[in-house]
């Protein structure tokens, strides 16, 4: 059995003041890998901002500013977290929810706009990468 000794015993974390935590299941059961980086940033922010019941009242402009997200990126991340059953939002207040039994995986959505093609179409993304590297790498 591996003996687990703190690397810096004088710096062991304690819960003082706030009440932020993530269940180990968040990583172990696939919730972490099921989120985009914008969703993950927003979720982590809400976890850190929440009280014992997971409630927080930050405004979207404050969250966008702190997380360096555009309003559109924030809205997409917020709606995805709601669909993935990780948060609730009533228009003013957020609640980080207890984790569902398993991650809610969204199926691939149809590519309807030029932005969808640029962001999610594998062939378009590949083409953009090849063009950015120059013709000598393609």
Protein backbone atom coordinates (compact mmCIF):
# COMPACT_ATOMS: atom_id res chain seq x y z
CA UNK A 1 0.00 0.00 0.00
CA UNK A 2 1.25 3.47 -0.89
CA UNK A 3 1.85 5.73 2.08
CA UNK A 4 0.37 9.14 1.40
CA UNK A 5 2.33 11.90 3.07
CA UNK A 6 1.67 15.54 2.41
CA UNK A 7 4.41 17.15 0.35
CA UNK A 8 4.01 20.40 2.28
CA UNK A 9 2.49 19.53 5.69
CA UNK A 10 2.30 23.20 6.67
CA UNK A 11 0.06 23.90 3.63
CA UNK A 12 -2.69 21.26 4.01
CA UNK A 13 -6.02 22.66 2.77
CA UNK A 14 -8.84 23.39 5.20
CA UNK A 15 -12.38 24.55 4.62
CA UNK A 16 -12.51 28.02 6.16
CA UNK A 17 -15.09 30.65 5.33
CA UNK A 18 -16.30 29.29 2.00
CA UNK A 19 -17.80 25.97 1.16
CA UNK A 20 -16.60 25.05 -2.34
CA UNK A 21 -16.01 21.40 -3.19
CA UNK A 22 -16.14 19.02 -6.13
CA UNK A 23 -17.03 15.39 -5.67
CA UNK A 24 -14.37 12.95 -6.84
CA UNK A 25 -17.11 11.44 -9.04
CA UNK A 26 -16.91 14.62 -11.13
CA UNK A 27 -13.59 13.36 -12.46
CA UNK A 28 -13.96 9.61 -12.00
CA UNK A 29 -17.41 9.24 -13.62
CA UNK A 30 -16.78 11.36 -16.70
CA UNK A 31 -18.45 14.67 -15.87
CA UNK A 32 -15.17 16.60 -16.32
CA UNK A 33 -14.49 15.19 -19.79
CA UNK A 34 -18.09 15.84 -20.84
CA UNK A 35 -17.67 19.63 -20.56
CA UNK A 36 -16.16 22.13 -22.97
CA UNK A 37 -13.57 24.48 -21.51
CA UNK A 38 -16.14 27.33 -21.32
CA UNK A 39 -18.62 25.05 -19.54
CA UNK A 40 -15.90 23.88 -17.19
CA UNK A 41 -14.80 27.44 -16.37
CA UNK A 42 -18.37 28.55 -15.67
CA UNK A 43 -19.12 25.44 -13.60
CA UNK A 44 -15.97 25.88 -11.52
CA UNK A 45 -16.78 29.57 -10.99
CA UNK A 46 -20.29 28.70 -9.80
CA UNK A 47 -18.93 25.99 -7.48
CA UNK A 48 -16.49 28.48 -5.96
CA UNK A 49 -19.09 31.26 -5.71
CA UNK A 50 -21.84 29.10 -4.21
CA UNK A 51 -22.87 28.80 -0.59
CA UNK A 52 -23.60 25.53 1.27
CA UNK A 53 -26.65 24.93 -0.94
CA UNK A 54 -24.73 25.77 -4.12
CA UNK A 55 -26.51 29.11 -4.52
CA UNK A 56 -24.85 32.19 -6.01
CA UNK A 57 -26.05 35.55 -7.29
CA UNK A 58 -23.27 36.79 -9.57
CA UNK A 59 -24.40 38.74 -12.63
CA UNK A 60 -23.57 37.56 -16.13
CA UNK A 61 -21.44 40.65 -16.80
CA UNK A 62 -19.28 39.97 -13.72
CA UNK A 63 -18.87 36.30 -14.70
CA UNK A 64 -18.04 37.21 -18.31
CA UNK A 65 -15.46 39.71 -17.08
CA UNK A 66 -13.80 37.33 -14.60
CA UNK A 67 -13.86 34.36 -17.01
CA UNK A 68 -12.96 36.40 -20.13
CA UNK A 69 -16.04 35.08 -21.94
CA UNK A 70 -18.18 36.89 -24.49
CA UNK A 71 -21.88 37.06 -23.69
CA UNK A 72 -22.55 34.45 -26.39
CA UNK A 73 -19.93 32.08 -24.95
CA UNK A 74 -21.41 32.56 -21.48
CA UNK A 75 -24.96 31.88 -22.70
CA UNK A 76 -23.91 28.73 -24.58
CA UNK A 77 -22.00 27.44 -21.53
CA UNK A 78 -24.85 28.26 -19.13
CA UNK A 79 -27.47 26.56 -21.29
CA UNK A 80 -25.26 23.50 -21.77
CA UNK A 81 -24.74 23.16 -17.99
CA UNK A 82 -28.50 23.36 -17.49
CA UNK A 83 -29.11 20.70 -20.20
CA UNK A 84 -26.40 18.52 -18.63
CA UNK A 85 -28.31 18.74 -15.32
CA UNK A 86 -25.40 20.33 -13.42
CA UNK A 87 -26.93 23.72 -12.58
CA UNK A 88 -30.30 25.40 -12.22
CA UNK A 89 -30.94 29.05 -13.06
CA UNK A 90 -34.08 31.11 -12.40
CA UNK A 91 -33.03 34.27 -14.21
CA UNK A 92 -31.29 35.79 -11.18
CA UNK A 93 -29.85 33.03 -9.05
CA UNK A 94 -27.79 29.93 -9.82
CA UNK A 95 -27.73 26.65 -7.98
CA UNK A 96 -25.01 24.06 -8.51
CA UNK A 97 -26.92 20.78 -8.32
CA UNK A 98 -25.87 17.46 -6.86
CA UNK A 99 -24.36 15.34 -9.62
CA UNK A 100 -26.82 13.23 -11.59
CA UNK A 101 -26.33 9.47 -11.64
CA UNK A 102 -24.23 9.72 -14.82
CA UNK A 103 -23.16 12.51 -17.19
CA UNK A 104 -25.77 13.75 -19.63
CA UNK A 105 -24.12 13.38 -23.02
CA UNK A 106 -25.45 15.50 -25.81
CA UNK A 107 -25.62 13.97 -29.25
CA UNK A 108 -24.04 15.84 -32.09
CA UNK A 109 -26.20 18.67 -33.33
CA UNK A 110 -26.76 19.58 -36.97
CA UNK A 111 -24.35 22.15 -38.39
CA UNK A 112 -26.69 24.99 -39.39
CA UNK A 113 -24.55 28.08 -39.69
CA UNK A 114 -21.11 29.11 -40.88
CA UNK A 115 -20.10 29.51 -37.22
CA UNK A 116 -21.23 25.90 -36.53
CA UNK A 117 -19.06 24.73 -39.43
CA UNK A 118 -16.03 26.65 -38.17
CA UNK A 119 -16.47 25.49 -34.56
CA UNK A 120 -17.63 21.87 -34.91
CA UNK A 121 -17.17 20.43 -38.41
CA UNK A 122 -14.08 18.20 -38.30
CA UNK A 123 -13.24 18.78 -41.97
CA UNK A 124 -13.50 22.57 -41.61
CA UNK A 125 -11.44 22.58 -38.41
CA UNK A 126 -8.81 20.42 -40.14
CA UNK A 127 -8.74 22.74 -43.13
CA UNK A 128 -8.28 25.81 -40.88
CA UNK A 129 -5.39 24.12 -39.07
CA UNK A 130 -3.69 23.10 -42.33
CA UNK A 131 -4.10 26.62 -43.74
CA UNK A 132 -2.69 28.18 -40.57
CA UNK A 133 0.40 25.93 -40.79
CA UNK A 134 0.96 26.81 -44.43
CA UNK A 135 0.93 24.66 -47.54
CA UNK A 136 4.29 23.01 -46.78
CA UNK A 137 2.74 21.03 -43.89
CA UNK A 138 -0.45 19.85 -45.69
